[in-house]
Amino acid sequence: MATTKTLSKYQPAPLVRAYLLHSRPYRESSLLLDLLTEQHGRIAAVVRIGGKAGTAKRAQLQPFRPLLVGLSGHSTLRTLAQLEAPTMPLPLSGTALYSGLYVNELCQRLLPEWQTDEALFEQYQQCLMGLAAEINVEANLRYLELALLQHLGQLPPLVYDADSEPLQPSCHYRWRTGQGFIATAQPSVDAVSGAMLLAWRDQQLADIEHLRQGKRLVRELLKPLLGSKPLHSRTLFLRQRGTDEHTSGR
């Protein structure tokens, strides 16, 4: 019995699915990682990158790559004890790459640590796969943002308006912080259609106008959460787009 207990004490930690959101140098020969994990939500972990084994780990730690990680320690800052990368990174390029960087930055900045949400993890993974396949890029971003806002408790259920009336596809609504969606008699620049809200909820966004309304609404919803600090990924995208337009002569 004593032998069994001694062996079990040193059993490796179970591997959990994860994605790398961000990494930066930490002390000597280490990296500080922001990981989105299936079982623990967003967590911080340290990994040593010195020596041959560390170099191999560093090569595997790439954004948009499905990972299996084993964590050790008892504080909120864990140690990455095991790492497997069963597949190559998802191939993101061009607009899809900047969209992936945007998604990672949103998760890193807004998600509290150690809040499990397996549905959000699955939505994140589905979003990356859609970006890699260049299928419904804008719609996939809106679905990820929806899951993130719901996780943060910053969006009421897309069922009723502020007066507890069912959302109507033919109606238009304005968002008011602290109140919800308020029905308006006529369409306006800052209003969205009930049809868009219901399609967003059901992950059925396809109409170009709905996608435009959804993007405008999400920016309004995220503004108080992000504060005055701009998104680095958005700045990079706008800078690159400006360079491309200048190069092409347009």
Protein backbone atom coordinates (compact mmCIF):
# COMPACT_ATOMS: atom_id res chain seq x y z
CA MET A 1 0.00 0.00 0.00
CA ALA A 2 2.83 2.41 0.85
CA THR A 3 4.41 1.77 -2.53
CA THR A 4 1.11 2.52 -4.31
CA LYS A 5 0.76 5.86 -2.48
CA THR A 6 4.34 6.85 -3.29
CA LEU A 7 3.83 6.13 -6.99
CA SER A 8 0.51 7.95 -7.20
CA LYS A 9 2.07 11.05 -5.65
CA TYR A 10 4.26 11.45 -8.71
CA GLN A 11 1.70 10.68 -11.38
CA PRO A 12 1.75 13.34 -14.11
CA ALA A 13 -1.03 15.90 -14.14
CA PRO A 14 -3.87 15.09 -16.54
CA LEU A 15 -3.59 16.85 -19.88
CA VAL A 16 -6.19 19.46 -20.77
CA ARG A 17 -6.99 21.09 -24.10
CA ALA A 18 -5.67 24.62 -24.48
CA TYR A 19 -4.72 27.43 -26.85
CA LEU A 20 -2.00 30.03 -26.43
CA LEU A 21 -3.39 33.56 -26.28
CA HIS A 22 -0.15 35.42 -25.58
CA SER A 23 3.40 34.88 -24.34
CA ARG A 24 6.20 37.12 -23.12
CA PRO A 25 9.66 36.70 -21.53
CA TYR A 26 9.61 35.99 -17.81
CA ARG A 27 12.71 36.00 -15.62
CA GLU A 28 15.65 34.00 -16.94
CA SER A 29 15.01 31.33 -19.59
CA SER A 30 11.24 31.31 -19.08
CA LEU A 31 8.06 32.51 -20.74
CA LEU A 32 4.88 33.78 -19.10
CA LEU A 33 1.91 32.33 -20.94
CA ASP A 34 -1.72 33.32 -21.18
CA LEU A 35 -3.64 30.14 -21.99
CA LEU A 36 -7.29 29.53 -22.75
CA THR A 37 -8.05 26.06 -21.40
CA GLU A 38 -11.12 23.89 -21.64
CA GLN A 39 -11.28 22.98 -17.97
CA HIS A 40 -10.01 26.11 -16.22
CA GLY A 41 -10.77 29.01 -18.56
CA ARG A 42 -8.04 31.61 -18.97
CA ILE A 43 -4.97 30.95 -16.83
CA ALA A 44 -1.38 32.15 -16.50
CA ALA A 45 1.46 29.64 -16.58
CA VAL A 46 5.25 29.70 -16.64
CA VAL A 47 7.33 27.47 -18.90
CA ARG A 48 11.10 27.06 -18.92
CA ILE A 49 12.60 27.37 -22.39
CA GLY A 50 16.24 26.71 -21.56
CA GLY A 51 18.02 23.61 -22.87
CA LYS A 52 16.97 21.18 -25.56
CA ALA A 53 13.61 20.31 -23.99
CA GLY A 54 12.78 23.97 -23.45
CA THR A 55 13.63 24.84 -27.03
CA ALA A 56 11.27 22.11 -28.24
CA LYS A 57 8.47 23.46 -26.04
CA ARG A 58 9.01 26.97 -27.32
CA ALA A 59 8.68 25.75 -30.91
CA GLN A 60 5.36 24.09 -30.07
CA LEU A 61 3.93 27.14 -28.29
CA GLN A 62 2.31 28.96 -31.17
CA PRO A 63 -1.01 30.84 -31.34
CA PHE A 64 -3.90 29.07 -33.09
CA ARG A 65 -2.37 25.65 -32.39
CA PRO A 66 -4.40 23.04 -30.49
CA LEU A 67 -2.40 22.07 -27.42
CA LEU A 68 -2.57 19.52 -24.62
CA VAL A 69 -1.04 20.86 -21.41
CA GLY A 70 -0.26 19.44 -18.00
CA LEU A 71 -0.09 21.99 -15.19
CA SER A 72 1.59 21.78 -11.80
CA GLY A 73 1.49 24.01 -8.73
CA HIS A 74 -1.19 25.32 -6.42
CA SER A 75 -1.09 29.11 -6.91
CA THR A 76 -2.95 30.99 -9.61
CA LEU A 77 0.32 31.08 -11.57
CA ARG A 78 0.92 27.49 -12.64
CA THR A 79 3.92 25.75 -14.17
CA LEU A 80 3.61 24.13 -17.58
CA ALA A 81 4.90 20.66 -16.73
CA GLN A 82 3.79 18.82 -19.88
CA LEU A 83 3.07 19.94 -23.41
CA GLU A 84 1.85 18.13 -26.49
CA ALA A 85 0.95 19.65 -29.84
CA PRO A 86 -0.86 16.89 -31.75
CA THR A 87 -1.51 19.02 -34.86
CA MET A 88 0.02 21.96 -36.68
CA PRO A 89 -1.28 25.52 -36.09
CA LEU A 90 -4.45 26.44 -37.95
CA PRO A 91 -3.38 28.22 -41.16
CA LEU A 92 -4.47 31.83 -40.72
CA SER A 93 -3.32 34.51 -43.15
CA GLY A 94 -4.36 37.95 -44.33
CA THR A 95 -7.59 39.22 -42.80
CA ALA A 96 -8.16 35.90 -41.04
CA LEU A 97 -4.81 36.26 -39.23
CA TYR A 98 -5.66 39.74 -37.94
CA SER A 99 -9.09 38.46 -36.92
CA GLY A 100 -7.43 35.65 -34.95
CA LEU A 101 -5.11 38.13 -33.22
CA TYR A 102 -8.18 40.23 -32.39
CA VAL A 103 -9.97 37.23 -30.86
CA ASN A 104 -6.91 36.34 -28.76
CA GLU A 105 -6.53 39.92 -27.55
CA LEU A 106 -10.19 40.12 -26.57
CA CYS A 107 -9.95 36.91 -24.55
CA GLN A 108 -6.70 37.97 -22.90
CA ARG A 109 -7.95 41.40 -21.90
CA LEU A 110 -11.52 40.61 -20.90
CA LEU A 111 -11.66 37.09 -19.49
CA PRO A 112 -11.06 36.80 -15.74
CA GLU A 113 -8.70 34.00 -14.74
CA TRP A 114 -9.95 30.63 -13.56
CA GLN A 115 -13.54 30.89 -14.75
CA THR A 116 -14.46 27.66 -16.49
CA ASP A 117 -16.70 27.92 -19.55
CA GLU A 118 -16.46 24.91 -21.84
CA ALA A 119 -19.04 26.38 -24.23
CA LEU A 120 -16.87 29.47 -24.69
CA PHE A 121 -13.82 27.27 -25.32
CA GLU A 122 -15.70 25.37 -28.00
CA GLN A 123 -16.92 28.61 -29.58
CA TYR A 124 -13.34 29.92 -29.62
CA GLN A 125 -12.13 26.75 -31.33
CA GLN A 126 -15.01 26.86 -33.83
CA CYS A 127 -14.21 30.50 -34.58
CA LEU A 128 -10.56 29.70 -35.35
CA MET A 129 -11.57 26.84 -37.62
CA GLY A 130 -13.95 29.12 -39.51
CA LEU A 131 -11.22 31.75 -39.87
CA ALA A 132 -8.74 29.16 -41.15
CA ALA A 133 -11.26 27.95 -43.73
CA GLU A 134 -12.17 31.57 -44.58
CA ILE A 135 -15.83 30.68 -44.15
CA ASN A 136 -18.23 33.31 -42.75
CA VAL A 137 -15.38 35.24 -41.14
CA GLU A 138 -17.51 38.17 -39.92
CA ALA A 139 -20.26 35.89 -38.65
CA ASN A 140 -17.78 33.70 -36.74
CA LEU A 141 -16.34 36.77 -35.05
CA ARG A 142 -19.83 37.89 -33.98
CA TYR A 143 -20.60 34.44 -32.50
CA LEU A 144 -17.37 34.45 -30.49
CA GLU A 145 -18.09 37.98 -29.25
CA LEU A 146 -21.60 36.89 -28.29
CA ALA A 147 -20.27 33.97 -26.24
CA LEU A 148 -17.72 36.26 -24.59
CA LEU A 149 -20.30 38.93 -23.69
CA GLN A 150 -22.63 36.29 -22.28
CA HIS A 151 -19.79 34.80 -20.20
CA LEU A 152 -19.05 38.25 -18.79
CA GLY A 153 -22.72 38.87 -18.00
CA GLN A 154 -22.77 41.93 -20.24
CA LEU A 155 -25.66 40.95 -22.49
CA PRO A 156 -29.21 39.98 -21.50
CA PRO A 157 -30.76 36.91 -23.15
CA LEU A 158 -31.68 37.73 -26.72
CA VAL A 159 -35.33 36.83 -26.13
CA TYR A 160 -37.01 39.90 -24.62
CA ASP A 161 -36.58 43.66 -24.93
CA ALA A 162 -36.22 46.10 -22.03
CA ASP A 163 -40.00 46.03 -21.47
CA SER A 164 -40.03 42.21 -21.23
CA GLU A 165 -41.73 41.96 -24.62
CA PRO A 166 -40.54 39.23 -27.02
CA LEU A 167 -38.08 40.46 -29.63
CA GLN A 168 -39.88 40.87 -32.95
CA PRO A 169 -38.05 40.33 -36.28
CA SER A 170 -39.89 43.28 -37.87
CA CYS A 171 -39.05 45.73 -35.07
CA HIS A 172 -35.95 47.84 -34.50
CA TYR A 173 -34.14 48.32 -31.20
CA ARG A 174 -31.61 50.63 -29.58
CA TRP A 175 -29.20 49.34 -26.96
CA ARG A 176 -29.13 51.24 -23.69
CA THR A 177 -26.58 50.22 -21.05
CA GLY A 178 -28.29 49.08 -17.87
CA GLN A 179 -31.67 48.81 -19.58
CA GLY A 180 -31.36 46.50 -22.56
CA PHE A 181 -32.84 46.66 -26.03
CA ILE A 182 -35.46 49.38 -26.34
CA ALA A 183 -37.99 49.15 -29.17
CA THR A 184 -38.04 52.13 -31.53
CA ALA A 185 -40.80 53.12 -33.92
CA GLN A 186 -38.51 53.73 -36.90
CA PRO A 187 -35.08 52.52 -38.06
CA SER A 188 -32.15 54.80 -37.26
CA VAL A 189 -28.37 54.79 -37.53
CA ASP A 190 -27.91 53.48 -33.99
CA ALA A 191 -30.74 50.91 -34.15
CA VAL A 192 -30.57 47.22 -35.04
CA SER A 193 -33.33 45.00 -36.33
CA GLY A 194 -34.98 42.32 -34.27
CA ALA A 195 -34.29 39.92 -37.13
CA MET A 196 -30.53 40.58 -36.71
CA LEU A 197 -30.65 40.00 -32.95
CA LEU A 198 -32.48 36.71 -33.37
CA ALA A 199 -30.14 35.56 -36.15
CA TRP A 200 -27.15 36.48 -33.95
CA ARG A 201 -28.60 34.49 -31.06
CA ASP A 202 -29.26 31.45 -33.28
CA GLN A 203 -25.90 31.73 -35.11
CA GLN A 204 -27.66 32.28 -38.43
CA LEU A 205 -26.10 35.57 -39.51
CA ALA A 206 -25.87 35.80 -43.29
CA ASP A 207 -27.49 39.03 -44.47
CA ILE A 208 -24.92 41.75 -45.22
CA GLU A 209 -26.94 44.42 -43.43
CA HIS A 210 -27.30 42.16 -40.38
CA LEU A 211 -23.52 41.65 -40.30
CA ARG A 212 -23.00 45.41 -40.52
CA GLN A 213 -25.46 46.05 -37.70
CA GLY A 214 -23.92 43.32 -35.58
CA LYS A 215 -20.42 44.74 -35.93
CA ARG A 216 -21.61 48.21 -34.93
CA LEU A 217 -23.53 46.85 -31.94
CA VAL A 218 -20.63 44.74 -30.68
CA ARG A 219 -18.27 47.71 -30.76
CA GLU A 220 -20.76 49.63 -28.62
CA LEU A 221 -21.08 46.73 -26.17
CA LEU A 222 -17.33 46.20 -25.87
CA LYS A 223 -16.42 49.87 -25.49
CA PRO A 224 -17.04 50.15 -21.72
CA LEU A 225 -15.26 46.82 -21.14
CA LEU A 226 -12.13 47.72 -23.10
CA GLY A 227 -11.84 51.28 -21.83
CA SER A 228 -9.65 53.85 -23.54
CA LYS A 229 -6.80 51.48 -24.38
CA PRO A 230 -7.01 50.64 -28.10
CA LEU A 231 -6.86 47.09 -29.38
CA HIS A 232 -3.35 46.39 -30.64
CA SER A 233 -4.66 43.89 -33.20
CA ARG A 234 -7.04 46.45 -34.70
CA THR A 235 -4.25 49.03 -34.93
CA LEU A 236 -2.04 46.50 -36.73
CA PHE A 237 -4.85 45.63 -39.15
CA LEU A 238 -5.60 49.26 -40.02
CA ARG A 239 -1.91 50.00 -40.47
CA GLN A 240 -1.47 46.99 -42.76
CA ARG A 241 -4.57 47.87 -44.76
CA GLY A 242 -3.27 51.38 -45.24
CA THR A 243 0.07 50.02 -46.44
CA ASP A 244 -1.64 47.68 -48.90
CA GLU A 245 -3.83 50.46 -50.28
CA HIS A 246 -0.82 52.74 -50.68
CA THR A 247 1.18 50.00 -52.43
CA SER A 248 -1.65 49.14 -54.81
CA GLY A 249 -2.22 52.77 -55.69
CA ARG A 250 -5.85 52.76 -54.51
